[in-house]
C-alpha atoms as a PDB file:
ATOM      1  CA  MET A   1    -128.927  -2.922 -35.639  1.00  0.00           C
ATOM      2  CA  PRO A   2    -129.015  -3.854 -39.408  1.00  0.00           C
ATOM      3  CA  PRO A   3    -125.809  -3.488 -41.428  1.00  0.00           C
ATOM      4  CA  SER A   4    -125.486  -0.193 -43.262  1.00  0.00           C
ATOM      5  CA  ILE A   5    -126.165  -0.309 -46.962  1.00  0.00           C
ATOM      6  CA  PRO A   6    -123.738   1.670 -49.120  1.00  0.00           C
ATOM      7  CA  PRO A   7    -125.299   4.401 -51.262  1.00  0.00           C
ATOM      8  CA  LYS A   8    -126.091   3.467 -54.842  1.00  0.00           C
ATOM      9  CA  LEU A   9    -123.594   4.707 -57.360  1.00  0.00           C
ATOM     10  CA  PRO A  10    -124.585   5.592 -60.918  1.00  0.00           C
ATOM     11  CA  ILE A  11    -124.071   2.809 -63.425  1.00  0.00           C
ATOM     12  CA  ARG A  12    -121.862   3.804 -66.316  1.00  0.00           C
ATOM     13  CA  ASP A  13    -120.761   2.398 -69.646  1.00  0.00           C
ATOM     14  CA  LEU A  14    -123.867   0.311 -70.277  1.00  0.00           C
ATOM     15  CA  ARG A  15    -124.463   1.907 -73.659  1.00  0.00           C
ATOM     16  CA  PRO A  16    -121.994   1.713 -76.541  1.00  0.00           C
ATOM     17  CA  GLU A  17    -119.929   4.866 -76.951  1.00  0.00           C
ATOM     18  CA  THR A  18    -120.010   4.476 -80.743  1.00  0.00           C
ATOM     19  CA  ALA A  19    -123.716   5.267 -80.803  1.00  0.00           C
ATOM     20  CA  ALA A  20    -123.077   8.570 -79.071  1.00  0.00           C
ATOM     21  CA  GLN A  21    -120.118   9.499 -81.290  1.00  0.00           C
ATOM     22  CA  CYS A  22    -121.670   8.962 -84.742  1.00  0.00           C
ATOM     23  CA  SER A  23    -124.831  10.150 -86.403  1.00  0.00           C
ATOM     24  CA  LEU A  24    -127.765   7.750 -86.522  1.00  0.00           C
ATOM     25  CA  PRO A  25    -127.766   7.503 -90.356  1.00  0.00           C
ATOM     26  CA  LYS A  26    -124.049   6.591 -90.377  1.00  0.00           C
ATOM     27  CA  LEU A  27    -124.559   3.957 -87.689  1.00  0.00           C
ATOM     28  CA  LEU A  28    -127.528   2.366 -89.465  1.00  0.00           C
ATOM     29  CA  ASN A  29    -125.823   2.444 -92.852  1.00  0.00           C
ATOM     30  CA  ALA A  30    -122.727   0.730 -91.443  1.00  0.00           C
ATOM     31  CA  MET A  31    -124.818  -1.899 -89.662  1.00  0.00           C
ATOM     32  CA  GLY A  32    -126.904  -2.608 -92.776  1.00  0.00           C
ATOM     33  CA  HIS A  33    -123.838  -3.051 -94.967  1.00  0.00           C
ATOM     34  CA  GLU A  34    -122.185  -5.214 -92.342  1.00  0.00           C
ATOM     35  CA  LEU A  35    -125.199  -7.528 -92.265  1.00  0.00           C
ATOM     36  CA  THR A  36    -125.465  -7.808 -96.036  1.00  0.00           C
ATOM     37  CA  SER A  37    -121.735  -8.383 -96.512  1.00  0.00           C
ATOM     38  CA  ALA A  38    -121.878 -11.192 -93.937  1.00  0.00           C
ATOM     39  CA  LYS A  39    -124.680 -12.823 -95.944  1.00  0.00           C
ATOM     40  CA  GLU A  40    -123.057 -12.357 -99.403  1.00  0.00           C
ATOM     41  CA  ALA A  41    -122.194 -16.054 -99.642  1.00  0.00           C
ATOM     42  CA  ASP A  42    -125.910 -16.776 -99.939  1.00  0.00           C
ATOM     43  CA  ALA A  43    -127.288 -16.040-103.417  1.00  0.00           C
ATOM     44  CA  HIS A  44    -130.654 -15.113-101.904  1.00  0.00           C
ATOM     45  CA  SER A  45    -129.370 -12.626 -99.366  1.00  0.00           C
ATOM     46  CA  PRO A  46    -131.087  -9.236 -99.328  1.00  0.00           C
ATOM     47  CA  GLY A  47    -129.424  -5.956-100.205  1.00  0.00           C
ATOM     48  CA  PHE A  48    -129.433  -2.857 -98.049  1.00  0.00           C
ATOM     49  CA  ARG A  49    -130.203   0.692 -99.103  1.00  0.00           C
ATOM     50  CA  MET A  50    -131.009   3.668 -96.927  1.00  0.00           C
ATOM     51  CA  ILE A  51    -132.637   6.890 -98.107  1.00  0.00           C
ATOM     52  CA  ILE A  52    -132.394   9.955 -95.903  1.00  0.00           C
ATOM     53  CA  GLU A  53    -134.896  12.739 -96.348  1.00  0.00           C
ATOM     54  CA  GLY A  54    -134.892  16.116 -94.668  1.00  0.00           C
ATOM     55  CA  LYS A  55    -132.299  17.907 -92.604  1.00  0.00           C
ATOM     56  CA  GLU A  56    -130.222  15.831 -90.222  1.00  0.00           C
ATOM     57  CA  GLN A  57    -130.809  16.708 -86.585  1.00  0.00           C
ATOM     58  CA  THR A  58    -128.738  15.961 -83.531  1.00  0.00           C
ATOM     59  CA  LEU A  59    -130.542  13.751 -81.035  1.00  0.00           C
ATOM     60  CA  PRO A  60    -129.872  13.338 -77.327  1.00  0.00           C
ATOM     61  CA  PRO A  61    -127.589  10.297 -76.848  1.00  0.00           C
ATOM     62  CA  THR A  62    -130.178   8.213 -74.977  1.00  0.00           C
ATOM     63  CA  ILE A  63    -132.811   8.734 -77.678  1.00  0.00           C
ATOM     64  CA  GLN A  64    -130.320   8.069 -80.475  1.00  0.00           C
ATOM     65  CA  ASN A  65    -129.188   4.860 -78.769  1.00  0.00           C
ATOM     66  CA  GLU A  66    -132.761   3.602 -78.358  1.00  0.00           C
ATOM     67  CA  LEU A  67    -133.621   4.437 -81.983  1.00  0.00           C
ATOM     68  CA  TYR A  68    -130.461   2.676 -83.118  1.00  0.00           C
ATOM     69  CA  ARG A  69    -131.246  -0.471 -81.117  1.00  0.00           C
ATOM     70  CA  ILE A  70    -134.851  -0.604 -82.333  1.00  0.00           C
ATOM     71  CA  SER A  71    -133.778   0.010 -85.941  1.00  0.00           C
ATOM     72  CA  CYS A  72    -131.081  -2.676 -85.786  1.00  0.00           C
ATOM     73  CA  GLU A  73    -133.607  -5.178 -84.542  1.00  0.00           C
ATOM     74  CA  ALA A  74    -136.051  -4.213 -87.298  1.00  0.00           C
ATOM     75  CA  ILE A  75    -133.344  -4.591 -89.959  1.00  0.00           C
ATOM     76  CA  ARG A  76    -132.010  -7.899 -88.582  1.00  0.00           C
ATOM     77  CA  ASN A  77    -135.383  -9.627 -88.142  1.00  0.00           C
ATOM     78  CA  PRO A  78    -136.183 -10.214 -91.825  1.00  0.00           C
ATOM     79  CA  ILE A  79    -132.671 -11.434 -92.656  1.00  0.00           C
END
């Protein structure tokens, strides 16, 4: 008889809690300023500015986290 396999438990804490606790604009603004301040020693480093249009809406945490990760990658790539 094969050994019994324990039931799968849900995986937790794979996503950063910060992303779920803050709004997406605040997260992106903080990340953009963090990147530009880290590059300030270079005279050719880019600046960061974010313009928000429309009414802010609350997103489900999983969607907000995915948008945050995609946006961070898009902002980091050109730097």
